[in-house]
N, C-alpha and C. Protein backbone atom coordinates (compact mmCIF):
# COMPACT_ATOMS: atom_id res chain seq x y z
N MET A 1 45.04 85.98 129.62
CA MET A 1 45.91 86.98 129.03
C MET A 1 45.06 88.10 128.43
N THR A 2 45.52 89.30 128.62
CA THR A 2 44.81 90.43 128.05
C THR A 2 45.26 90.65 126.61
N LEU A 3 44.56 91.51 125.91
CA LEU A 3 44.89 91.82 124.51
C LEU A 3 46.27 92.47 124.41
N VAL A 4 46.62 93.32 125.34
CA VAL A 4 47.92 94.00 125.33
C VAL A 4 49.04 92.99 125.53
N GLU A 5 48.88 92.07 126.46
CA GLU A 5 49.90 91.04 126.68
C GLU A 5 50.05 90.15 125.46
N THR A 6 48.97 89.81 124.81
CA THR A 6 49.02 88.98 123.61
C THR A 6 49.75 89.70 122.48
N LEU A 7 49.45 90.98 122.30
CA LEU A 7 50.16 91.74 121.26
C LEU A 7 51.64 91.88 121.58
N LEU A 8 51.98 92.05 122.84
CA LEU A 8 53.40 92.13 123.22
C LEU A 8 54.12 90.83 122.91
N VAL A 9 53.52 89.73 123.27
CA VAL A 9 54.19 88.44 123.11
C VAL A 9 54.29 88.05 121.63
N PHE A 10 53.21 88.23 120.87
CA PHE A 10 53.18 87.73 119.50
C PHE A 10 53.54 88.77 118.44
N ALA A 11 53.63 90.03 118.77
CA ALA A 11 53.94 91.05 117.77
C ALA A 11 55.15 91.90 118.15
N ALA A 12 55.14 92.51 119.31
CA ALA A 12 56.19 93.47 119.66
C ALA A 12 57.54 92.79 119.89
N ILE A 13 57.55 91.68 120.60
CA ILE A 13 58.83 91.01 120.89
C ILE A 13 59.46 90.47 119.60
N PRO A 14 58.74 89.75 118.73
CA PRO A 14 59.36 89.31 117.47
C PRO A 14 59.82 90.48 116.59
N LEU A 15 59.05 91.56 116.53
CA LEU A 15 59.49 92.72 115.75
C LEU A 15 60.75 93.34 116.33
N ALA A 16 60.87 93.36 117.64
CA ALA A 16 62.09 93.88 118.26
C ALA A 16 63.28 93.00 117.94
N ILE A 17 63.09 91.70 117.93
CA ILE A 17 64.19 90.78 117.60
C ILE A 17 64.62 90.98 116.15
N TYR A 18 63.65 91.07 115.22
CA TYR A 18 63.99 91.31 113.82
C TYR A 18 64.68 92.67 113.64
N GLY A 19 64.27 93.65 114.38
CA GLY A 19 64.90 94.97 114.31
C GLY A 19 66.34 94.94 114.77
N VAL A 20 66.61 94.22 115.86
CA VAL A 20 67.99 94.11 116.35
C VAL A 20 68.86 93.38 115.34
N ILE A 21 68.34 92.30 114.75
CA ILE A 21 69.12 91.56 113.75
C ILE A 21 69.38 92.44 112.53
N ALA A 22 68.38 93.21 112.10
CA ALA A 22 68.57 94.10 110.94
C ALA A 22 69.62 95.17 111.24
N LEU A 23 69.61 95.74 112.42
CA LEU A 23 70.62 96.73 112.78
C LEU A 23 72.01 96.13 112.85
N MET A 24 72.11 94.90 113.32
CA MET A 24 73.42 94.24 113.39
C MET A 24 73.98 93.97 112.01
N THR A 25 73.13 93.66 111.04
CA THR A 25 73.64 93.40 109.69
C THR A 25 73.95 94.69 108.94
N LEU A 26 73.29 95.78 109.26
CA LEU A 26 73.51 97.04 108.55
C LEU A 26 74.60 97.90 109.17
N ARG A 27 75.06 97.58 110.35
CA ARG A 27 76.05 98.44 111.02
C ARG A 27 77.38 98.45 110.28
N GLU A 28 77.74 97.35 109.64
CA GLU A 28 79.00 97.33 108.89
C GLU A 28 78.94 98.28 107.69
N ARG A 29 77.81 98.39 107.07
CA ARG A 29 77.67 99.28 105.91
C ARG A 29 77.88 100.73 106.32
N PHE A 30 77.40 101.10 107.48
CA PHE A 30 77.52 102.49 107.92
C PHE A 30 78.89 102.79 108.52
N ALA A 31 79.60 101.77 109.00
CA ALA A 31 80.88 101.98 109.64
C ALA A 31 82.03 102.03 108.64
N LYS A 32 81.87 101.46 107.46
CA LYS A 32 82.95 101.41 106.48
C LYS A 32 83.07 102.74 105.73
N ALA A 33 84.27 102.96 105.21
CA ALA A 33 84.51 104.14 104.38
C ALA A 33 83.82 103.94 103.03
N PRO A 34 83.46 105.01 102.36
CA PRO A 34 82.82 104.85 101.05
C PRO A 34 83.75 104.16 100.06
N ARG A 35 83.19 103.28 99.24
CA ARG A 35 83.97 102.53 98.27
C ARG A 35 84.13 103.31 96.98
N TYR A 36 85.19 102.97 96.25
CA TYR A 36 85.39 103.54 94.92
C TYR A 36 84.46 102.85 93.94
N ARG A 37 83.80 103.62 93.13
CA ARG A 37 82.93 103.10 92.07
C ARG A 37 83.48 103.56 90.73
N PRO A 38 83.38 102.72 89.70
CA PRO A 38 83.88 103.11 88.38
C PRO A 38 83.26 104.44 87.93
N GLY A 39 84.11 105.29 87.41
CA GLY A 39 83.67 106.59 86.95
C GLY A 39 83.92 107.70 87.95
N GLN A 40 84.20 107.34 89.20
CA GLN A 40 84.48 108.36 90.20
C GLN A 40 85.92 108.85 90.04
N GLU A 41 86.17 110.03 90.53
CA GLU A 41 87.52 110.59 90.52
C GLU A 41 88.38 109.83 91.53
N TRP A 42 89.59 109.42 91.12
CA TRP A 42 90.51 108.72 92.01
C TRP A 42 91.32 109.75 92.76
N GLU A 43 91.25 109.74 94.09
CA GLU A 43 91.85 110.79 94.90
C GLU A 43 93.13 110.37 95.62
N HIS A 44 93.67 109.21 95.30
CA HIS A 44 94.81 108.69 96.03
C HIS A 44 96.04 108.61 95.13
N GLU A 45 97.20 108.53 95.77
CA GLU A 45 98.45 108.37 95.04
C GLU A 45 98.52 106.97 94.44
N PRO A 46 99.14 106.81 93.26
CA PRO A 46 99.28 105.46 92.70
C PRO A 46 100.25 104.63 93.54
N VAL A 47 99.95 103.37 93.66
CA VAL A 47 100.78 102.45 94.43
C VAL A 47 101.21 101.33 93.49
N TRP A 48 102.51 101.18 93.32
CA TRP A 48 103.03 100.10 92.48
C TRP A 48 103.27 98.91 93.36
N TRP A 49 102.77 97.75 92.95
CA TRP A 49 102.90 96.54 93.73
C TRP A 49 103.54 95.46 92.89
N THR A 50 104.41 94.70 93.51
CA THR A 50 105.00 93.56 92.85
C THR A 50 105.09 92.41 93.84
N ALA A 51 104.94 91.21 93.35
CA ALA A 51 105.02 90.04 94.22
C ALA A 51 106.45 89.74 94.59
N ASN A 52 107.40 90.20 93.79
CA ASN A 52 108.80 89.93 94.04
C ASN A 52 109.58 91.23 93.96
N PRO A 53 109.66 92.01 95.05
CA PRO A 53 110.36 93.29 94.98
C PRO A 53 111.85 93.14 94.67
N ALA A 54 112.44 92.02 95.02
CA ALA A 54 113.86 91.82 94.73
C ALA A 54 114.08 91.61 93.24
N GLY A 55 113.05 91.20 92.51
CA GLY A 55 113.18 90.94 91.08
C GLY A 55 113.07 92.19 90.23
N LEU A 56 112.77 93.33 90.83
CA LEU A 56 112.69 94.56 90.05
C LEU A 56 114.10 95.01 89.68
N GLY A 57 114.28 95.22 88.42
CA GLY A 57 115.58 95.69 87.96
C GLY A 57 115.44 97.04 87.29
N SER A 58 116.42 97.37 86.44
CA SER A 58 116.37 98.64 85.74
C SER A 58 115.28 98.64 84.66
N ALA A 59 114.87 97.48 84.22
CA ALA A 59 113.86 97.39 83.17
C ALA A 59 112.50 97.00 83.76
N HIS A 60 112.20 97.49 84.96
CA HIS A 60 110.95 97.10 85.61
C HIS A 60 109.72 97.67 84.92
N ALA A 61 109.90 98.65 84.05
CA ALA A 61 108.76 99.21 83.33
C ALA A 61 108.39 98.35 82.13
N GLY A 62 109.19 97.32 81.83
CA GLY A 62 108.87 96.43 80.73
C GLY A 62 109.60 96.77 79.44
N HIS A 63 110.55 97.69 79.47
CA HIS A 63 111.29 98.07 78.28
C HIS A 63 112.78 97.98 78.57
N ALA A 64 113.51 97.51 77.58
CA ALA A 64 114.96 97.43 77.69
C ALA A 64 115.58 98.77 77.32
N GLU A 65 116.90 98.82 77.37
CA GLU A 65 117.62 100.05 77.06
C GLU A 65 117.38 100.50 75.62
N ALA A 66 117.27 99.57 74.67
CA ALA A 66 117.12 99.92 73.27
C ALA A 66 115.69 100.32 72.92
N GLY A 67 114.76 100.17 73.86
CA GLY A 67 113.38 100.56 73.60
C GLY A 67 112.51 99.41 73.13
N THR A 68 113.07 98.21 73.03
CA THR A 68 112.26 97.06 72.64
C THR A 68 111.65 96.43 73.89
N PRO A 69 110.45 95.93 73.78
CA PRO A 69 109.82 95.35 74.97
C PRO A 69 110.51 94.06 75.41
N VAL A 70 110.58 93.89 76.71
CA VAL A 70 111.15 92.69 77.29
C VAL A 70 110.00 91.78 77.68
N HIS A 71 109.95 90.60 77.10
CA HIS A 71 108.89 89.64 77.40
C HIS A 71 109.43 88.62 78.39
N THR A 72 108.93 88.71 79.61
CA THR A 72 109.41 87.77 80.64
C THR A 72 108.38 86.71 80.97
N ALA A 73 107.12 86.96 80.65
CA ALA A 73 106.06 86.01 81.00
C ALA A 73 105.77 85.11 79.81
N LYS A 74 105.39 83.90 80.13
CA LYS A 74 104.99 82.96 79.08
C LYS A 74 103.51 82.68 79.24
N GLY A 75 102.89 82.26 78.16
CA GLY A 75 101.46 81.97 78.23
C GLY A 75 100.67 83.15 77.74
N GLY A 76 99.64 83.47 78.45
CA GLY A 76 98.81 84.60 78.07
C GLY A 76 97.41 84.14 77.75
N ALA A 77 96.69 84.96 77.04
CA ALA A 77 95.29 84.66 76.73
C ALA A 77 95.16 83.51 75.74
N ARG A 78 96.18 83.31 74.91
CA ARG A 78 96.11 82.22 73.95
C ARG A 78 96.42 80.89 74.59
N GLY A 79 97.08 80.91 75.71
CA GLY A 79 97.43 79.66 76.39
C GLY A 79 98.62 78.96 75.77
N GLY A 80 99.44 79.68 75.03
CA GLY A 80 100.64 79.08 74.46
C GLY A 80 101.75 79.03 75.49
N TRP A 81 102.02 77.86 76.01
CA TRP A 81 103.04 77.71 77.03
C TRP A 81 104.30 77.25 76.39
């Protein structure tokens, strides 16, 4: 084997394989849209989401007609069930 063949087998081919693997792992980063980071300006419309859309009533904002808060959930950070 010549010096060139030895370098190809033991250096160039493994480096090419590592390069292909590196490109395959980095392609997702370049293909995705930029992510939102805290502190950036939010450029999208607000989206209200609920797990039970049929359960939304007139007091879906959390306040009753008289202006007092409606407590529908039990528990919380204190763990009082």
